């Protein structure tokens, strides 16, 4: 999967299309993490998840846009 840097802020963001999974970069170790997308949880989601690689907690944000684009990013808790 080719990575695309969308914004250059404190967090890095990867884009996708409407499907059942997306990816984010762990803010602590930089690993690309695949996460399932729960479409029934709404268009604007935010939750805490431990990185499966380094075990540090991340605040994961998911935005689902009307055109089907999915944005997923994470920041350190």
PDB file of N, CA and C in Angstrom:
ATOM      1  N   UNK A   1       0.841  -1.173   0.000  1.00  0.00           N
ATOM      2  CA  UNK A   1       0.000   0.000   0.000  1.00  0.00           C
ATOM      3  C   UNK A   1       0.886   1.235   0.000  1.00  0.00           C
ATOM      4  N   UNK A   2       0.632   2.129  -0.904  1.00  0.00           N
ATOM      5  CA  UNK A   2       1.403   3.351  -0.994  1.00  0.00           C
ATOM      6  C   UNK A   2       0.855   4.375  -0.012  1.00  0.00           C
ATOM      7  N   UNK A   3       1.723   4.932   0.824  1.00  0.00           N
ATOM      8  CA  UNK A   3       1.304   5.919   1.820  1.00  0.00           C
ATOM      9  C   UNK A   3       1.214   7.301   1.196  1.00  0.00           C
ATOM     10  N   UNK A   4       0.247   8.059   1.653  1.00  0.00           N
ATOM     11  CA  UNK A   4       0.025   9.412   1.165  1.00  0.00           C
ATOM     12  C   UNK A   4      -0.075  10.344   2.357  1.00  0.00           C
ATOM     13  N   UNK A   5       0.844  11.297   2.451  1.00  0.00           N
ATOM     14  CA  UNK A   5       0.795  12.255   3.542  1.00  0.00           C
ATOM     15  C   UNK A   5      -0.229  13.324   3.194  1.00  0.00           C
ATOM     16  N   UNK A   6      -1.254  13.445   4.011  1.00  0.00           N
ATOM     17  CA  UNK A   6      -2.352  14.354   3.726  1.00  0.00           C
ATOM     18  C   UNK A   6      -2.146  15.699   4.400  1.00  0.00           C
ATOM     19  N   UNK A   7      -1.790  15.703   5.672  1.00  0.00           N
ATOM     20  CA  UNK A   7      -1.566  16.940   6.408  1.00  0.00           C
ATOM     21  C   UNK A   7      -0.229  16.859   7.128  1.00  0.00           C
ATOM     22  N   UNK A   8       0.389  17.988   7.311  1.00  0.00           N
ATOM     23  CA  UNK A   8       1.619  18.015   8.083  1.00  0.00           C
ATOM     24  C   UNK A   8       1.341  18.789   9.350  1.00  0.00           C
ATOM     25  N   UNK A   9       0.781  18.110  10.343  1.00  0.00           N
ATOM     26  CA  UNK A   9       0.492  18.687  11.645  1.00  0.00           C
ATOM     27  C   UNK A   9       1.131  17.785  12.683  1.00  0.00           C
ATOM     28  N   UNK A  10       0.599  17.843  13.901  1.00  0.00           N
ATOM     29  CA  UNK A  10       1.120  17.003  14.961  1.00  0.00           C
ATOM     30  C   UNK A  10       0.820  15.527  14.726  1.00  0.00           C
ATOM     31  N   UNK A  11      -0.210  15.252  13.967  1.00  0.00           N
ATOM     32  CA  UNK A  11      -0.530  13.866  13.642  1.00  0.00           C
ATOM     33  C   UNK A  11      -0.442  13.672  12.132  1.00  0.00           C
ATOM     34  N   UNK A  12      -0.215  12.440  11.747  1.00  0.00           N
ATOM     35  CA  UNK A  12      -0.176  12.094  10.339  1.00  0.00           C
ATOM     36  C   UNK A  12      -1.446  11.352   9.983  1.00  0.00           C
ATOM     37  N   UNK A  13      -1.886  11.518   8.782  1.00  0.00           N
ATOM     38  CA  UNK A  13      -3.192  11.009   8.382  1.00  0.00           C
ATOM     39  C   UNK A  13      -3.053  10.222   7.081  1.00  0.00           C
ATOM     40  N   UNK A  14      -3.754   9.138   6.981  1.00  0.00           N
ATOM     41  CA  UNK A  14      -3.807   8.364   5.750  1.00  0.00           C
ATOM     42  C   UNK A  14      -5.236   8.327   5.263  1.00  0.00           C
ATOM     43  N   UNK A  15      -5.422   8.331   3.967  1.00  0.00           N
ATOM     44  CA  UNK A  15      -6.772   8.331   3.424  1.00  0.00           C
ATOM     45  C   UNK A  15      -7.168   6.957   2.913  1.00  0.00           C
ATOM     46  N   UNK A  16      -8.419   6.824   2.567  1.00  0.00           N
ATOM     47  CA  UNK A  16      -8.926   5.583   2.028  1.00  0.00           C
ATOM     48  C   UNK A  16     -10.271   5.827   1.396  1.00  0.00           C
ATOM     49  N   UNK A  17     -10.919   4.750   1.015  1.00  0.00           N
ATOM     50  CA  UNK A  17     -12.268   4.853   0.494  1.00  0.00           C
ATOM     51  C   UNK A  17     -13.184   4.059   1.398  1.00  0.00           C
ATOM     52  N   UNK A  18     -14.480   4.252   1.232  1.00  0.00           N
ATOM     53  CA  UNK A  18     -15.452   3.614   2.104  1.00  0.00           C
ATOM     54  C   UNK A  18     -15.352   2.094   1.985  1.00  0.00           C
ATOM     55  N   UNK A  19     -14.874   1.465   3.035  1.00  0.00           N
ATOM     56  CA  UNK A  19     -14.791   0.011   3.129  1.00  0.00           C
ATOM     57  C   UNK A  19     -14.776  -0.349   4.610  1.00  0.00           C
ATOM     58  N   UNK A  20     -14.387  -1.544   4.929  1.00  0.00           N
ATOM     59  CA  UNK A  20     -14.467  -1.958   6.322  1.00  0.00           C
ATOM     60  C   UNK A  20     -13.158  -1.841   7.086  1.00  0.00           C
ATOM     61  N   UNK A  21     -12.112  -1.249   6.490  1.00  0.00           N
ATOM     62  CA  UNK A  21     -10.871  -1.024   7.226  1.00  0.00           C
ATOM     63  C   UNK A  21     -10.110   0.172   6.676  1.00  0.00           C
ATOM     64  N   UNK A  22      -9.222   0.702   7.517  1.00  0.00           N
ATOM     65  CA  UNK A  22      -8.379   1.825   7.142  1.00  0.00           C
ATOM     66  C   UNK A  22      -7.069   1.681   7.899  1.00  0.00           C
ATOM     67  N   UNK A  23      -6.177   2.632   7.749  1.00  0.00           N
ATOM     68  CA  UNK A  23      -4.888   2.579   8.425  1.00  0.00           C
ATOM     69  C   UNK A  23      -4.550   3.925   9.051  1.00  0.00           C
ATOM     70  N   UNK A  24      -3.701   3.869  10.075  1.00  0.00           N
ATOM     71  CA  UNK A  24      -3.127   5.078  10.657  1.00  0.00           C
ATOM     72  C   UNK A  24      -1.680   4.783  11.021  1.00  0.00           C
ATOM     73  N   UNK A  25      -0.912   5.835  11.226  1.00  0.00           N
ATOM     74  CA  UNK A  25       0.464   5.686  11.675  1.00  0.00           C
ATOM     75  C   UNK A  25       0.508   5.927  13.175  1.00  0.00           C
ATOM     76  N   UNK A  26       1.084   4.982  13.910  1.00  0.00           N
ATOM     77  CA  UNK A  26       1.220   5.141  15.356  1.00  0.00           C
ATOM     78  C   UNK A  26       2.082   6.362  15.628  1.00  0.00           C
ATOM     79  N   UNK A  27       1.604   7.246  16.492  1.00  0.00           N
ATOM     80  CA  UNK A  27       2.321   8.471  16.813  1.00  0.00           C
ATOM     81  C   UNK A  27       3.593   8.190  17.616  1.00  0.00           C
ATOM     82  N   UNK A  28       3.673   7.026  18.262  1.00  0.00           N
ATOM     83  CA  UNK A  28       4.841   6.686  19.075  1.00  0.00           C
ATOM     84  C   UNK A  28       5.930   5.963  18.295  1.00  0.00           C
ATOM     85  N   UNK A  29       5.560   4.911  17.557  1.00  0.00           N
ATOM     86  CA  UNK A  29       6.586   4.098  16.888  1.00  0.00           C
ATOM     87  C   UNK A  29       6.608   4.257  15.372  1.00  0.00           C
ATOM     88  N   UNK A  30       5.578   4.893  14.796  1.00  0.00           N
ATOM     89  CA  UNK A  30       5.572   5.133  13.351  1.00  0.00           C
ATOM     90  C   UNK A  30       5.079   3.976  12.502  1.00  0.00           C
ATOM     91  N   UNK A  31       4.685   2.880  13.128  1.00  0.00           N
ATOM     92  CA  UNK A  31       4.183   1.729  12.366  1.00  0.00           C
ATOM     93  C   UNK A  31       2.820   2.037  11.760  1.00  0.00           C
ATOM     94  N   UNK A  32       2.572   1.494  10.594  1.00  0.00           N
ATOM     95  CA  UNK A  32       1.259   1.611   9.965  1.00  0.00           C
ATOM     96  C   UNK A  32       0.347   0.530  10.547  1.00  0.00           C
ATOM     97  N   UNK A  33      -0.774   0.942  11.118  1.00  0.00           N
ATOM     98  CA  UNK A  33      -1.690   0.032  11.808  1.00  0.00           C
ATOM     99  C   UNK A  33      -3.009  -0.032  11.035  1.00  0.00           C
ATOM    100  N   UNK A  34      -3.469  -1.239  10.762  1.00  0.00           N
ATOM    101  CA  UNK A  34      -4.747  -1.447  10.083  1.00  0.00           C
ATOM    102  C   UNK A  34      -5.821  -1.595  11.152  1.00  0.00           C
ATOM    103  N   UNK A  35      -6.912  -0.827  11.004  1.00  0.00           N
ATOM    104  CA  UNK A  35      -8.015  -0.896  11.959  1.00  0.00           C
ATOM    105  C   UNK A  35      -9.323  -1.122  11.212  1.00  0.00           C
ATOM    106  N   UNK A  36     -10.245  -1.890  11.814  1.00  0.00           N
ATOM    107  CA  UNK A  36     -11.565  -2.042  11.202  1.00  0.00           C
ATOM    108  C   UNK A  36     -12.356  -0.753  11.362  1.00  0.00           C
ATOM    109  N   UNK A  37     -13.193  -0.430  10.396  1.00  0.00           N
ATOM    110  CA  UNK A  37     -14.052   0.744  10.452  1.00  0.00           C
ATOM    111  C   UNK A  37     -15.479   0.277  10.699  1.00  0.00           C
ATOM    112  N   UNK A  38     -16.062   0.756  11.791  1.00  0.00           N
ATOM    113  CA  UNK A  38     -17.447   0.440  12.127  1.00  0.00           C
ATOM    114  C   UNK A  38     -18.327   1.536  11.539  1.00  0.00           C
ATOM    115  N   UNK A  39     -18.912   1.272  10.377  1.00  0.00           N
ATOM    116  CA  UNK A  39     -19.728   2.268   9.691  1.00  0.00           C
ATOM    117  C   UNK A  39     -20.981   2.627  10.480  1.00  0.00           C
ATOM    118  N   UNK A  40     -21.427   1.748  11.373  1.00  0.00           N
ATOM    119  CA  UNK A  40     -22.629   2.034  12.162  1.00  0.00           C
ATOM    120  C   UNK A  40     -22.349   2.981  13.331  1.00  0.00           C
ATOM    121  N   UNK A  41     -21.072   3.297  13.600  1.00  0.00           N
ATOM    122  CA  UNK A  41     -20.711   4.169  14.725  1.00  0.00           C
ATOM    123  C   UNK A  41     -20.753   5.649  14.366  1.00  0.00           C
ATOM    124  N   UNK A  42     -21.131   5.974  13.152  1.00  0.00           N
ATOM    125  CA  UNK A  42     -21.262   7.378  12.767  1.00  0.00           C
ATOM    126  C   UNK A  42     -20.135   7.861  11.876  1.00  0.00           C
ATOM    127  N   UNK A  43     -20.279   9.107  11.420  1.00  0.00           N
ATOM    128  CA  UNK A  43     -19.324   9.687  10.478  1.00  0.00           C
ATOM    129  C   UNK A  43     -18.109  10.303  11.155  1.00  0.00           C
ATOM    130  N   UNK A  44     -18.188  10.563  12.440  1.00  0.00           N
ATOM    131  CA  UNK A  44     -17.104  11.197  13.195  1.00  0.00           C
ATOM    132  C   UNK A  44     -16.851  10.350  14.445  1.00  0.00           C
ATOM    133  N   UNK A  45     -15.772   9.573  14.427  1.00  0.00           N
ATOM    134  CA  UNK A  45     -15.496   8.631  15.505  1.00  0.00           C
ATOM    135  C   UNK A  45     -14.176   8.976  16.184  1.00  0.00           C
ATOM    136  N   UNK A  46     -14.099   8.690  17.477  1.00  0.00           N
ATOM    137  CA  UNK A  46     -12.875   8.923  18.243  1.00  0.00           C
ATOM    138  C   UNK A  46     -12.839   7.900  19.379  1.00  0.00           C
ATOM    139  N   UNK A  47     -11.707   7.184  19.498  1.00  0.00           N
ATOM    140  CA  UNK A  47     -11.563   6.187  20.551  1.00  0.00           C
ATOM    141  C   UNK A  47     -10.089   5.965  20.868  1.00  0.00           C
ATOM    142  N   UNK A  48      -9.800   5.345  22.006  1.00  0.00           N
ATOM    143  CA  UNK A  48      -8.424   5.052  22.422  1.00  0.00           C
ATOM    144  C   UNK A  48      -8.134   3.586  22.132  1.00  0.00           C
ATOM    145  N   UNK A  49      -6.971   3.353  21.533  1.00  0.00           N
ATOM    146  CA  UNK A  49      -6.554   1.987  21.208  1.00  0.00           C
ATOM    147  C   UNK A  49      -5.053   1.878  21.424  1.00  0.00           C
ATOM    148  N   UNK A  50      -4.617   0.780  22.054  1.00  0.00           N
ATOM    149  CA  UNK A  50      -3.183   0.544  22.226  1.00  0.00           C
ATOM    150  C   UNK A  50      -2.588   0.059  20.913  1.00  0.00           C
ATOM    151  N   UNK A  51      -1.404   0.566  20.580  1.00  0.00           N
ATOM    152  CA  UNK A  51      -0.703   0.119  19.378  1.00  0.00           C
ATOM    153  C   UNK A  51      -0.324  -1.353  19.554  1.00  0.00           C
ATOM    154  N   UNK A  52      -0.623  -2.202  18.581  1.00  0.00           N
ATOM    155  CA  UNK A  52      -0.266  -3.617  18.713  1.00  0.00           C
ATOM    156  C   UNK A  52       1.235  -3.871  18.599  1.00  0.00           C
ATOM    157  N   UNK A  53       2.004  -2.878  18.178  1.00  0.00           N
ATOM    158  CA  UNK A  53       3.458  -3.036  18.036  1.00  0.00           C
ATOM    159  C   UNK A  53       4.191  -2.557  19.292  1.00  0.00           C
ATOM    160  N   UNK A  54       3.942  -1.308  19.721  1.00  0.00           N
ATOM    161  CA  UNK A  54       4.690  -0.737  20.846  1.00  0.00           C
ATOM    162  C   UNK A  54       3.872  -0.637  22.132  1.00  0.00           C
ATOM    163  N   UNK A  55       2.584  -0.953  22.085  1.00  0.00           N
ATOM    164  CA  UNK A  55       1.668  -0.968  23.234  1.00  0.00           C
ATOM    165  C   UNK A  55       1.345   0.408  23.815  1.00  0.00           C
ATOM    166  N   UNK A  56       1.765   1.489  23.172  1.00  0.00           N
ATOM    167  CA  UNK A  56       1.421   2.827  23.649  1.00  0.00           C
ATOM    168  C   UNK A  56       0.012   3.189  23.198  1.00  0.00           C
ATOM    169  N   UNK A  57      -0.742   3.898  24.055  1.00  0.00           N
ATOM    170  CA  UNK A  57      -2.112   4.257  23.691  1.00  0.00           C
ATOM    171  C   UNK A  57      -2.155   5.381  22.651  1.00  0.00           C
ATOM    172  N   UNK A  58      -3.072   5.249  21.717  1.00  0.00           N
ATOM    173  CA  UNK A  58      -3.315   6.253  20.680  1.00  0.00           C
ATOM    174  C   UNK A  58      -4.775   6.664  20.727  1.00  0.00           C
ATOM    175  N   UNK A  59      -5.034   7.946  20.517  1.00  0.00           N
ATOM    176  CA  UNK A  59      -6.399   8.419  20.312  1.00  0.00           C
ATOM    177  C   UNK A  59      -6.621   8.360  18.808  1.00  0.00           C
ATOM    178  N   UNK A  60      -7.457   7.435  18.382  1.00  0.00           N
ATOM    179  CA  UNK A  60      -7.721   7.211  16.958  1.00  0.00           C
ATOM    180  C   UNK A  60      -8.953   8.011  16.558  1.00  0.00           C
ATOM    181  N   UNK A  61      -8.838   8.768  15.480  1.00  0.00           N
ATOM    182  CA  UNK A  61      -9.955   9.539  14.940  1.00  0.00           C
ATOM    183  C   UNK A  61     -10.273   9.029  13.544  1.00  0.00           C
ATOM    184  N   UNK A  62     -11.561   8.906  13.268  1.00  0.00           N
ATOM    185  CA  UNK A  62     -12.029   8.439  11.963  1.00  0.00           C
ATOM    186  C   UNK A  62     -13.092   9.409  11.463  1.00  0.00           C
ATOM    187  N   UNK A  63     -12.938   9.868  10.240  1.00  0.00           N
ATOM    188  CA  UNK A  63     -13.943  10.715   9.587  1.00  0.00           C
ATOM    189  C   UNK A  63     -14.386  10.003   8.315  1.00  0.00           C
ATOM    190  N   UNK A  64     -15.692   9.903   8.139  1.00  0.00           N
ATOM    191  CA  UNK A  64     -16.252   9.306   6.927  1.00  0.00           C
ATOM    192  C   UNK A  64     -17.043  10.398   6.222  1.00  0.00           C
ATOM    193  N   UNK A  65     -16.617  10.741   5.018  1.00  0.00           N
ATOM    194  CA  UNK A  65     -17.227  11.833   4.265  1.00  0.00           C
ATOM    195  C   UNK A  65     -18.334  11.324   3.356  1.00  0.00           C
ATOM    196  N   UNK A  66     -19.218  12.228   2.937  1.00  0.00           N
ATOM    197  CA  UNK A  66     -20.363  11.868   2.098  1.00  0.00           C
ATOM    198  C   UNK A  66     -19.962  11.203   0.791  1.00  0.00           C
ATOM    199  N   UNK A  67     -18.789  11.582   0.252  1.00  0.00           N
ATOM    200  CA  UNK A  67     -18.347  11.000  -1.016  1.00  0.00           C
ATOM    201  C   UNK A  67     -17.714   9.615  -0.841  1.00  0.00           C
ATOM    202  N   UNK A  68     -17.697   9.099   0.412  1.00  0.00           N
ATOM    203  CA  UNK A  68     -17.173   7.765   0.674  1.00  0.00           C
ATOM    204  C   UNK A  68     -15.723   7.751   1.118  1.00  0.00           C
ATOM    205  N   UNK A  69     -15.069   8.906   1.145  1.00  0.00           N
ATOM    206  CA  UNK A  69     -13.679   8.968   1.576  1.00  0.00           C
ATOM    207  C   UNK A  69     -13.597   8.761   3.085  1.00  0.00           C
ATOM    208  N   UNK A  70     -12.608   7.961   3.511  1.00  0.00           N
ATOM    209  CA  UNK A  70     -12.391   7.683   4.926  1.00  0.00           C
ATOM    210  C   UNK A  70     -11.019   8.238   5.306  1.00  0.00           C
ATOM    211  N   UNK A  71     -10.957   9.004   6.383  1.00  0.00           N
ATOM    212  CA  UNK A  71      -9.692   9.511   6.922  1.00  0.00           C
ATOM    213  C   UNK A  71      -9.545   8.951   8.327  1.00  0.00           C
ATOM    214  N   UNK A  72      -8.367   8.433   8.589  1.00  0.00           N
ATOM    215  CA  UNK A  72      -8.076   7.837   9.887  1.00  0.00           C
ATOM    216  C   UNK A  72      -6.707   8.329  10.324  1.00  0.00           C
ATOM    217  N   UNK A  73      -6.583   8.822  11.563  1.00  0.00           N
ATOM    218  CA  UNK A  73      -5.310   9.278  12.083  1.00  0.00           C
ATOM    219  C   UNK A  73      -5.270   9.033  13.572  1.00  0.00           C
ATOM    220  N   UNK A  74      -4.071   9.149  14.148  1.00  0.00           N
ATOM    221  CA  UNK A  74      -3.910   8.910  15.576  1.00  0.00           C
ATOM    222  C   UNK A  74      -2.955   9.919  16.181  1.00  0.00           C
ATOM    223  N   UNK A  75      -3.194  10.217  17.455  1.00  0.00           N
ATOM    224  CA  UNK A  75      -2.332  11.075  18.243  1.00  0.00           C
ATOM    225  C   UNK A  75      -2.040  10.347  19.544  1.00  0.00           C
ATOM    226  N   UNK A  76      -0.901  10.643  20.162  1.00  0.00           N
ATOM    227  CA  UNK A  76      -0.601  10.044  21.471  1.00  0.00           C
ATOM    228  C   UNK A  76      -1.637  10.482  22.478  1.00  0.00           C
ATOM    229  N   UNK A  77      -1.977   9.554  23.368  1.00  0.00           N
ATOM    230  CA  UNK A  77      -2.970   9.886  24.402  1.00  0.00           C
ATOM    231  C   UNK A  77      -2.376  10.831  25.417  1.00  0.00           C
TER     232      UNK A  77
END
